[in-house]
């Protein structure tokens, strides 16, 4: 298992990485997420503002949600 790293060290270039975040119920979750800048969101179409930029993950097969992860792993490292 790869070591967790602080989220501020995660790539913000559109790559998908494994992240760890706490939901509203206090449960820690593990998800594949992607950082989406305002420019990337606008390029995809639709109306976006600065509050939409951030980490996005699928919370089920049809629903994406903006999340606030606390750490991440690349999945490339082995213990």
PDB file of N, CA and C in Angstrom:
ATOM      1  N   UNK A   1       0.841  -1.179   0.000  1.00  0.00           N
ATOM      2  CA  UNK A   1       0.000   0.000   0.000  1.00  0.00           C
ATOM      3  C   UNK A   1       0.886   1.243   0.000  1.00  0.00           C
ATOM      4  N   UNK A   2       0.529   2.211  -0.819  1.00  0.00           N
ATOM      5  CA  UNK A   2       1.289   3.453  -0.897  1.00  0.00           C
ATOM      6  C   UNK A   2       1.014   4.311   0.336  1.00  0.00           C
ATOM      7  N   UNK A   3       2.018   5.052   0.741  1.00  0.00           N
ATOM      8  CA  UNK A   3       1.872   5.928   1.904  1.00  0.00           C
ATOM      9  C   UNK A   3       0.997   7.123   1.548  1.00  0.00           C
ATOM     10  N   UNK A   4       0.174   7.527   2.487  1.00  0.00           N
ATOM     11  CA  UNK A   4      -0.659   8.715   2.288  1.00  0.00           C
ATOM     12  C   UNK A   4       0.205   9.966   2.363  1.00  0.00           C
ATOM     13  N   UNK A   5      -0.157  10.928   1.534  1.00  0.00           N
ATOM     14  CA  UNK A   5       0.559  12.205   1.488  1.00  0.00           C
ATOM     15  C   UNK A   5      -0.441  13.333   1.728  1.00  0.00           C
ATOM     16  N   UNK A   6       0.019  14.480   2.219  1.00  0.00           N
ATOM     17  CA  UNK A   6      -0.889  15.618   2.408  1.00  0.00           C
ATOM     18  C   UNK A   6      -1.517  16.019   1.069  1.00  0.00           C
ATOM     19  N   UNK A   7      -2.794  16.392   1.092  1.00  0.00           N
ATOM     20  CA  UNK A   7      -3.496  16.708  -0.153  1.00  0.00           C
ATOM     21  C   UNK A   7      -2.875  17.897  -0.881  1.00  0.00           C
ATOM     22  N   UNK A   8      -2.226  18.801  -0.156  1.00  0.00           N
ATOM     23  CA  UNK A   8      -1.628  19.953  -0.841  1.00  0.00           C
ATOM     24  C   UNK A   8      -0.451  19.565  -1.728  1.00  0.00           C
ATOM     25  N   UNK A   9      -0.002  18.305  -1.656  1.00  0.00           N
ATOM     26  CA  UNK A   9       1.076  17.837  -2.532  1.00  0.00           C
ATOM     27  C   UNK A   9       0.547  17.056  -3.737  1.00  0.00           C
ATOM     28  N   UNK A  10      -0.765  16.885  -3.838  1.00  0.00           N
ATOM     29  CA  UNK A  10      -1.365  16.108  -4.925  1.00  0.00           C
ATOM     30  C   UNK A  10      -1.310  16.882  -6.247  1.00  0.00           C
ATOM     31  N   UNK A  11      -1.216  16.164  -7.365  1.00  0.00           N
ATOM     32  CA  UNK A  11      -1.189  16.835  -8.673  1.00  0.00           C
ATOM     33  C   UNK A  11      -2.536  17.481  -8.985  1.00  0.00           C
ATOM     34  N   UNK A  12      -2.477  18.660  -9.557  1.00  0.00           N
ATOM     35  CA  UNK A  12      -3.695  19.385  -9.926  1.00  0.00           C
ATOM     36  C   UNK A  12      -3.767  19.595 -11.432  1.00  0.00           C
ATOM     37  N   UNK A  13      -3.195  18.643 -12.170  1.00  0.00           N
ATOM     38  CA  UNK A  13      -3.122  18.758 -13.628  1.00  0.00           C
ATOM     39  C   UNK A  13      -4.162  17.906 -14.357  1.00  0.00           C
ATOM     40  N   UNK A  14      -5.168  17.453 -13.636  1.00  0.00           N
ATOM     41  CA  UNK A  14      -6.222  16.655 -14.252  1.00  0.00           C
ATOM     42  C   UNK A  14      -6.064  15.158 -14.078  1.00  0.00           C
ATOM     43  N   UNK A  15      -4.928  14.710 -13.522  1.00  0.00           N
ATOM     44  CA  UNK A  15      -4.753  13.278 -13.259  1.00  0.00           C
ATOM     45  C   UNK A  15      -5.708  12.819 -12.169  1.00  0.00           C
ATOM     46  N   UNK A  16      -6.132  11.581 -12.247  1.00  0.00           N
ATOM     47  CA  UNK A  16      -6.976  10.998 -11.203  1.00  0.00           C
ATOM     48  C   UNK A  16      -6.072  10.301 -10.199  1.00  0.00           C
ATOM     49  N   UNK A  17      -6.337  10.555  -8.918  1.00  0.00           N
ATOM     50  CA  UNK A  17      -5.553   9.955  -7.840  1.00  0.00           C
ATOM     51  C   UNK A  17      -6.504   9.428  -6.764  1.00  0.00           C
ATOM     52  N   UNK A  18      -5.991   8.546  -5.941  1.00  0.00           N
ATOM     53  CA  UNK A  18      -6.748   8.012  -4.804  1.00  0.00           C
ATOM     54  C   UNK A  18      -6.715   9.044  -3.686  1.00  0.00           C
ATOM     55  N   UNK A  19      -7.886   9.449  -3.180  1.00  0.00           N
ATOM     56  CA  UNK A  19      -7.935  10.433  -2.098  1.00  0.00           C
ATOM     57  C   UNK A  19      -8.722   9.880  -0.912  1.00  0.00           C
ATOM     58  N   UNK A  20      -8.520  10.494   0.228  1.00  0.00           N
ATOM     59  CA  UNK A  20      -9.195  10.133   1.472  1.00  0.00           C
ATOM     60  C   UNK A  20      -9.872  11.387   2.012  1.00  0.00           C
ATOM     61  N   UNK A  21     -11.149  11.261   2.357  1.00  0.00           N
ATOM     62  CA  UNK A  21     -11.921  12.416   2.809  1.00  0.00           C
ATOM     63  C   UNK A  21     -12.976  11.983   3.821  1.00  0.00           C
ATOM     64  N   UNK A  22     -13.425  12.943   4.622  1.00  0.00           N
ATOM     65  CA  UNK A  22     -14.418  12.694   5.670  1.00  0.00           C
ATOM     66  C   UNK A  22     -15.765  13.261   5.189  1.00  0.00           C
ATOM     67  N   UNK A  23     -16.817  12.439   5.240  1.00  0.00           N
ATOM     68  CA  UNK A  23     -18.130  12.915   4.811  1.00  0.00           C
ATOM     69  C   UNK A  23     -18.869  13.598   5.965  1.00  0.00           C
ATOM     70  N   UNK A  24     -20.099  14.050   5.704  1.00  0.00           N
ATOM     71  CA  UNK A  24     -20.889  14.789   6.698  1.00  0.00           C
ATOM     72  C   UNK A  24     -21.210  13.959   7.941  1.00  0.00           C
ATOM     73  N   UNK A  25     -21.163  12.630   7.808  1.00  0.00           N
ATOM     74  CA  UNK A  25     -21.424  11.749   8.951  1.00  0.00           C
ATOM     75  C   UNK A  25     -20.166  11.419   9.740  1.00  0.00           C
ATOM     76  N   UNK A  26     -19.022  11.990   9.344  1.00  0.00           N
ATOM     77  CA  UNK A  26     -17.772  11.722  10.039  1.00  0.00           C
ATOM     78  C   UNK A  26     -17.079  10.450   9.582  1.00  0.00           C
ATOM     79  N   UNK A  27     -17.585   9.819   8.538  1.00  0.00           N
ATOM     80  CA  UNK A  27     -17.017   8.575   8.001  1.00  0.00           C
ATOM     81  C   UNK A  27     -15.900   8.898   7.016  1.00  0.00           C
ATOM     82  N   UNK A  28     -14.740   8.246   7.184  1.00  0.00           N
ATOM     83  CA  UNK A  28     -13.669   8.427   6.209  1.00  0.00           C
ATOM     84  C   UNK A  28     -13.979   7.599   4.964  1.00  0.00           C
ATOM     85  N   UNK A  29     -13.794   8.225   3.810  1.00  0.00           N
ATOM     86  CA  UNK A  29     -14.038   7.592   2.526  1.00  0.00           C
ATOM     87  C   UNK A  29     -12.758   7.575   1.711  1.00  0.00           C
ATOM     88  N   UNK A  30     -12.687   6.621   0.811  1.00  0.00           N
ATOM     89  CA  UNK A  30     -11.561   6.477  -0.116  1.00  0.00           C
ATOM     90  C   UNK A  30     -12.164   6.503  -1.520  1.00  0.00           C
ATOM     91  N   UNK A  31     -11.696   7.416  -2.365  1.00  0.00           N
ATOM     92  CA  UNK A  31     -12.258   7.570  -3.704  1.00  0.00           C
ATOM     93  C   UNK A  31     -11.169   7.928  -4.700  1.00  0.00           C
ATOM     94  N   UNK A  32     -11.441   7.632  -5.964  1.00  0.00           N
ATOM     95  CA  UNK A  32     -10.628   8.161  -7.041  1.00  0.00           C
ATOM     96  C   UNK A  32     -11.186   9.548  -7.331  1.00  0.00           C
ATOM     97  N   UNK A  33     -10.325  10.550  -7.356  1.00  0.00           N
ATOM     98  CA  UNK A  33     -10.785  11.922  -7.568  1.00  0.00           C
ATOM     99  C   UNK A  33      -9.857  12.640  -8.540  1.00  0.00           C
ATOM    100  N   UNK A  34     -10.346  13.757  -9.024  1.00  0.00           N
ATOM    101  CA  UNK A  34      -9.608  14.576  -9.983  1.00  0.00           C
ATOM    102  C   UNK A  34      -9.790  16.032  -9.585  1.00  0.00           C
ATOM    103  N   UNK A  35      -8.678  16.783  -9.582  1.00  0.00           N
ATOM    104  CA  UNK A  35      -8.776  18.210  -9.308  1.00  0.00           C
ATOM    105  C   UNK A  35      -9.193  18.906 -10.594  1.00  0.00           C
ATOM    106  N   UNK A  36     -10.218  19.723 -10.502  1.00  0.00           N
ATOM    107  CA  UNK A  36     -10.699  20.459 -11.674  1.00  0.00           C
ATOM    108  C   UNK A  36     -10.613  21.947 -11.393  1.00  0.00           C
ATOM    109  N   UNK A  37      -9.766  22.609 -12.159  1.00  0.00           N
ATOM    110  CA  UNK A  37      -9.623  24.056 -12.044  1.00  0.00           C
ATOM    111  C   UNK A  37     -10.827  24.728 -12.690  1.00  0.00           C
ATOM    112  N   UNK A  38     -11.051  25.996 -12.405  1.00  0.00           N
ATOM    113  CA  UNK A  38     -12.144  26.737 -13.008  1.00  0.00           C
ATOM    114  C   UNK A  38     -12.007  26.739 -14.531  1.00  0.00           C
ATOM    115  N   UNK A  39     -10.786  26.868 -15.029  1.00  0.00           N
ATOM    116  CA  UNK A  39     -10.557  26.868 -16.475  1.00  0.00           C
ATOM    117  C   UNK A  39     -10.969  25.534 -17.099  1.00  0.00           C
ATOM    118  N   UNK A  40     -10.627  24.431 -16.440  1.00  0.00           N
ATOM    119  CA  UNK A  40     -10.983  23.094 -16.942  1.00  0.00           C
ATOM    120  C   UNK A  40     -12.507  22.912 -16.937  1.00  0.00           C
ATOM    121  N   UNK A  41     -13.166  23.374 -15.880  1.00  0.00           N
ATOM    122  CA  UNK A  41     -14.616  23.252 -15.802  1.00  0.00           C
ATOM    123  C   UNK A  41     -15.297  24.062 -16.901  1.00  0.00           C
ATOM    124  N   UNK A  42     -14.851  25.300 -17.108  1.00  0.00           N
ATOM    125  CA  UNK A  42     -15.444  26.149 -18.139  1.00  0.00           C
ATOM    126  C   UNK A  42     -15.223  25.568 -19.528  1.00  0.00           C
ATOM    127  N   UNK A  43     -14.071  24.946 -19.750  1.00  0.00           N
ATOM    128  CA  UNK A  43     -13.773  24.347 -21.057  1.00  0.00           C
ATOM    129  C   UNK A  43     -14.719  23.191 -21.367  1.00  0.00           C
ATOM    130  N   UNK A  44     -15.225  22.533 -20.338  1.00  0.00           N
ATOM    131  CA  UNK A  44     -16.151  21.420 -20.526  1.00  0.00           C
ATOM    132  C   UNK A  44     -17.570  21.900 -20.828  1.00  0.00           C
ATOM    133  N   UNK A  45     -17.819  23.187 -20.632  1.00  0.00           N
ATOM    134  CA  UNK A  45     -19.138  23.754 -20.898  1.00  0.00           C
ATOM    135  C   UNK A  45     -19.934  23.963 -19.629  1.00  0.00           C
ATOM    136  N   UNK A  46     -20.978  24.719 -19.734  1.00  0.00           N
ATOM    137  CA  UNK A  46     -21.828  25.006 -18.588  1.00  0.00           C
ATOM    138  C   UNK A  46     -21.410  26.262 -17.864  1.00  0.00           C
ATOM    139  N   UNK A  47     -22.163  26.571 -16.837  1.00  0.00           N
ATOM    140  CA  UNK A  47     -21.874  27.765 -16.043  1.00  0.00           C
ATOM    141  C   UNK A  47     -21.196  27.360 -14.744  1.00  0.00           C
ATOM    142  N   UNK A  48     -19.988  27.854 -14.524  1.00  0.00           N
ATOM    143  CA  UNK A  48     -19.197  27.525 -13.347  1.00  0.00           C
ATOM    144  C   UNK A  48     -18.680  28.811 -12.727  1.00  0.00           C
ATOM    145  N   UNK A  49     -18.403  28.781 -11.431  1.00  0.00           N
ATOM    146  CA  UNK A  49     -17.734  29.905 -10.790  1.00  0.00           C
ATOM    147  C   UNK A  49     -16.613  29.371  -9.908  1.00  0.00           C
ATOM    148  N   UNK A  50     -15.889  30.263  -9.274  1.00  0.00           N
ATOM    149  CA  UNK A  50     -14.707  29.873  -8.505  1.00  0.00           C
ATOM    150  C   UNK A  50     -14.994  28.850  -7.411  1.00  0.00           C
ATOM    151  N   UNK A  51     -16.202  28.852  -6.864  1.00  0.00           N
ATOM    152  CA  UNK A  51     -16.523  27.906  -5.795  1.00  0.00           C
ATOM    153  C   UNK A  51     -16.648  26.473  -6.306  1.00  0.00           C
ATOM    154  N   UNK A  52     -16.729  26.276  -7.621  1.00  0.00           N
ATOM    155  CA  UNK A  52     -16.837  24.934  -8.199  1.00  0.00           C
ATOM    156  C   UNK A  52     -15.475  24.268  -8.415  1.00  0.00           C
ATOM    157  N   UNK A  53     -14.408  25.049  -8.433  1.00  0.00           N
ATOM    158  CA  UNK A  53     -13.070  24.480  -8.614  1.00  0.00           C
ATOM    159  C   UNK A  53     -12.719  23.639  -7.386  1.00  0.00           C
ATOM    160  N   UNK A  54     -12.015  22.532  -7.603  1.00  0.00           N
ATOM    161  CA  UNK A  54     -11.594  21.695  -6.487  1.00  0.00           C
ATOM    162  C   UNK A  54     -11.572  20.236  -6.863  1.00  0.00           C
ATOM    163  N   UNK A  55     -11.610  19.385  -5.854  1.00  0.00           N
ATOM    164  CA  UNK A  55     -11.546  17.936  -6.034  1.00  0.00           C
ATOM    165  C   UNK A  55     -12.945  17.383  -6.259  1.00  0.00           C
ATOM    166  N   UNK A  56     -13.098  16.570  -7.312  1.00  0.00           N
ATOM    167  CA  UNK A  56     -14.367  15.952  -7.667  1.00  0.00           C
ATOM    168  C   UNK A  56     -14.200  14.451  -7.711  1.00  0.00           C
ATOM    169  N   UNK A  57     -15.203  13.742  -7.171  1.00  0.00           N
ATOM    170  CA  UNK A  57     -15.184  12.272  -7.158  1.00  0.00           C
ATOM    171  C   UNK A  57     -16.595  11.755  -7.419  1.00  0.00           C
ATOM    172  N   UNK A  58     -16.680  10.564  -7.984  1.00  0.00           N
ATOM    173  CA  UNK A  58     -17.971   9.895  -8.114  1.00  0.00           C
ATOM    174  C   UNK A  58     -18.325   9.310  -6.755  1.00  0.00           C
ATOM    175  N   UNK A  59     -19.521   9.613  -6.262  1.00  0.00           N
ATOM    176  CA  UNK A  59     -19.974   9.043  -4.994  1.00  0.00           C
ATOM    177  C   UNK A  59     -20.875   7.835  -5.236  1.00  0.00           C
ATOM    178  N   UNK A  60     -21.343   7.679  -6.456  1.00  0.00           N
ATOM    179  CA  UNK A  60     -21.988   6.453  -6.927  1.00  0.00           C
ATOM    180  C   UNK A  60     -21.799   6.425  -8.447  1.00  0.00           C
ATOM    181  N   UNK A  61     -22.395   5.472  -9.117  1.00  0.00           N
ATOM    182  CA  UNK A  61     -22.102   5.308 -10.541  1.00  0.00           C
ATOM    183  C   UNK A  61     -22.597   6.459 -11.413  1.00  0.00           C
ATOM    184  N   UNK A  62     -23.494   7.293 -10.895  1.00  0.00           N
ATOM    185  CA  UNK A  62     -24.052   8.392 -11.690  1.00  0.00           C
ATOM    186  C   UNK A  62     -23.784   9.782 -11.131  1.00  0.00           C
ATOM    187  N   UNK A  63     -23.307   9.880  -9.913  1.00  0.00           N
ATOM    188  CA  UNK A  63     -23.240  11.168  -9.229  1.00  0.00           C
ATOM    189  C   UNK A  63     -21.814  11.569  -8.890  1.00  0.00           C
ATOM    190  N   UNK A  64     -21.437  12.772  -9.341  1.00  0.00           N
ATOM    191  CA  UNK A  64     -20.151  13.342  -8.950  1.00  0.00           C
ATOM    192  C   UNK A  64     -20.402  14.393  -7.878  1.00  0.00           C
ATOM    193  N   UNK A  65     -19.432  14.535  -6.989  1.00  0.00           N
ATOM    194  CA  UNK A  65     -19.562  15.477  -5.881  1.00  0.00           C
ATOM    195  C   UNK A  65     -18.222  16.160  -5.668  1.00  0.00           C
ATOM    196  N   UNK A  66     -18.279  17.434  -5.331  1.00  0.00           N
ATOM    197  CA  UNK A  66     -17.057  18.144  -4.951  1.00  0.00           C
ATOM    198  C   UNK A  66     -16.760  17.752  -3.512  1.00  0.00           C
ATOM    199  N   UNK A  67     -15.545  17.297  -3.259  1.00  0.00           N
ATOM    200  CA  UNK A  67     -15.152  16.836  -1.927  1.00  0.00           C
ATOM    201  C   UNK A  67     -13.947  17.618  -1.434  1.00  0.00           C
ATOM    202  N   UNK A  68     -13.649  17.468  -0.155  1.00  0.00           N
ATOM    203  CA  UNK A  68     -12.479  18.117   0.444  1.00  0.00           C
ATOM    204  C   UNK A  68     -11.600  17.028   1.055  1.00  0.00           C
ATOM    205  N   UNK A  69     -10.726  16.441   0.244  1.00  0.00           N
ATOM    206  CA  UNK A  69      -9.867  15.374   0.770  1.00  0.00           C
ATOM    207  C   UNK A  69      -8.782  15.925   1.687  1.00  0.00           C
ATOM    208  N   UNK A  70      -8.295  15.048   2.579  1.00  0.00           N
ATOM    209  CA  UNK A  70      -7.218  15.442   3.494  1.00  0.00           C
ATOM    210  C   UNK A  70      -5.887  14.794   3.129  1.00  0.00           C
ATOM    211  N   UNK A  71      -5.924  13.718   2.335  1.00  0.00           N
ATOM    212  CA  UNK A  71      -4.675  13.065   1.930  1.00  0.00           C
ATOM    213  C   UNK A  71      -4.915  12.304   0.636  1.00  0.00           C
ATOM    214  N   UNK A  72      -3.821  11.809   0.051  1.00  0.00           N
ATOM    215  CA  UNK A  72      -3.906  11.118  -1.226  1.00  0.00           C
ATOM    216  C   UNK A  72      -2.777  10.113  -1.358  1.00  0.00           C
ATOM    217  N   UNK A  73      -2.929   9.185  -2.304  1.00  0.00           N
ATOM    218  CA  UNK A  73      -1.851   8.277  -2.684  1.00  0.00           C
ATOM    219  C   UNK A  73      -1.824   8.195  -4.204  1.00  0.00           C
ATOM    220  N   UNK A  74      -0.665   7.902  -4.731  1.00  0.00           N
ATOM    221  CA  UNK A  74      -0.539   7.813  -6.186  1.00  0.00           C
ATOM    222  C   UNK A  74      -0.881   6.432  -6.681  1.00  0.00           C
ATOM    223  N   UNK A  75      -0.771   5.420  -5.830  1.00  0.00           N
ATOM    224  CA  UNK A  75      -1.009   4.060  -6.263  1.00  0.00           C
ATOM    225  C   UNK A  75       0.185   3.462  -6.994  1.00  0.00           C
ATOM    226  N   UNK A  76       1.227   4.274  -7.225  1.00  0.00           N
ATOM    227  CA  UNK A  76       2.412   3.810  -7.942  1.00  0.00           C
ATOM    228  C   UNK A  76       3.450   3.200  -7.018  1.00  0.00           C
ATOM    229  N   UNK A  77       3.336   3.481  -5.729  1.00  0.00           N
ATOM    230  CA  UNK A  77       4.348   3.027  -4.783  1.00  0.00           C
ATOM    231  C   UNK A  77       3.915   1.743  -4.098  1.00  0.00           C
ATOM    232  N   UNK A  78       4.857   0.947  -3.728  1.00  0.00           N
ATOM    233  CA  UNK A  78       4.584  -0.303  -3.002  1.00  0.00           C
ATOM    234  C   UNK A  78       5.186  -0.185  -1.606  1.00  0.00           C
ATOM    235  N   UNK A  79       4.549  -0.815  -0.632  1.00  0.00           N
ATOM    236  CA  UNK A  79       5.111  -0.860   0.722  1.00  0.00           C
ATOM    237  C   UNK A  79       6.202  -1.877   0.805  1.00  0.00           C
TER     238      UNK A  79
END
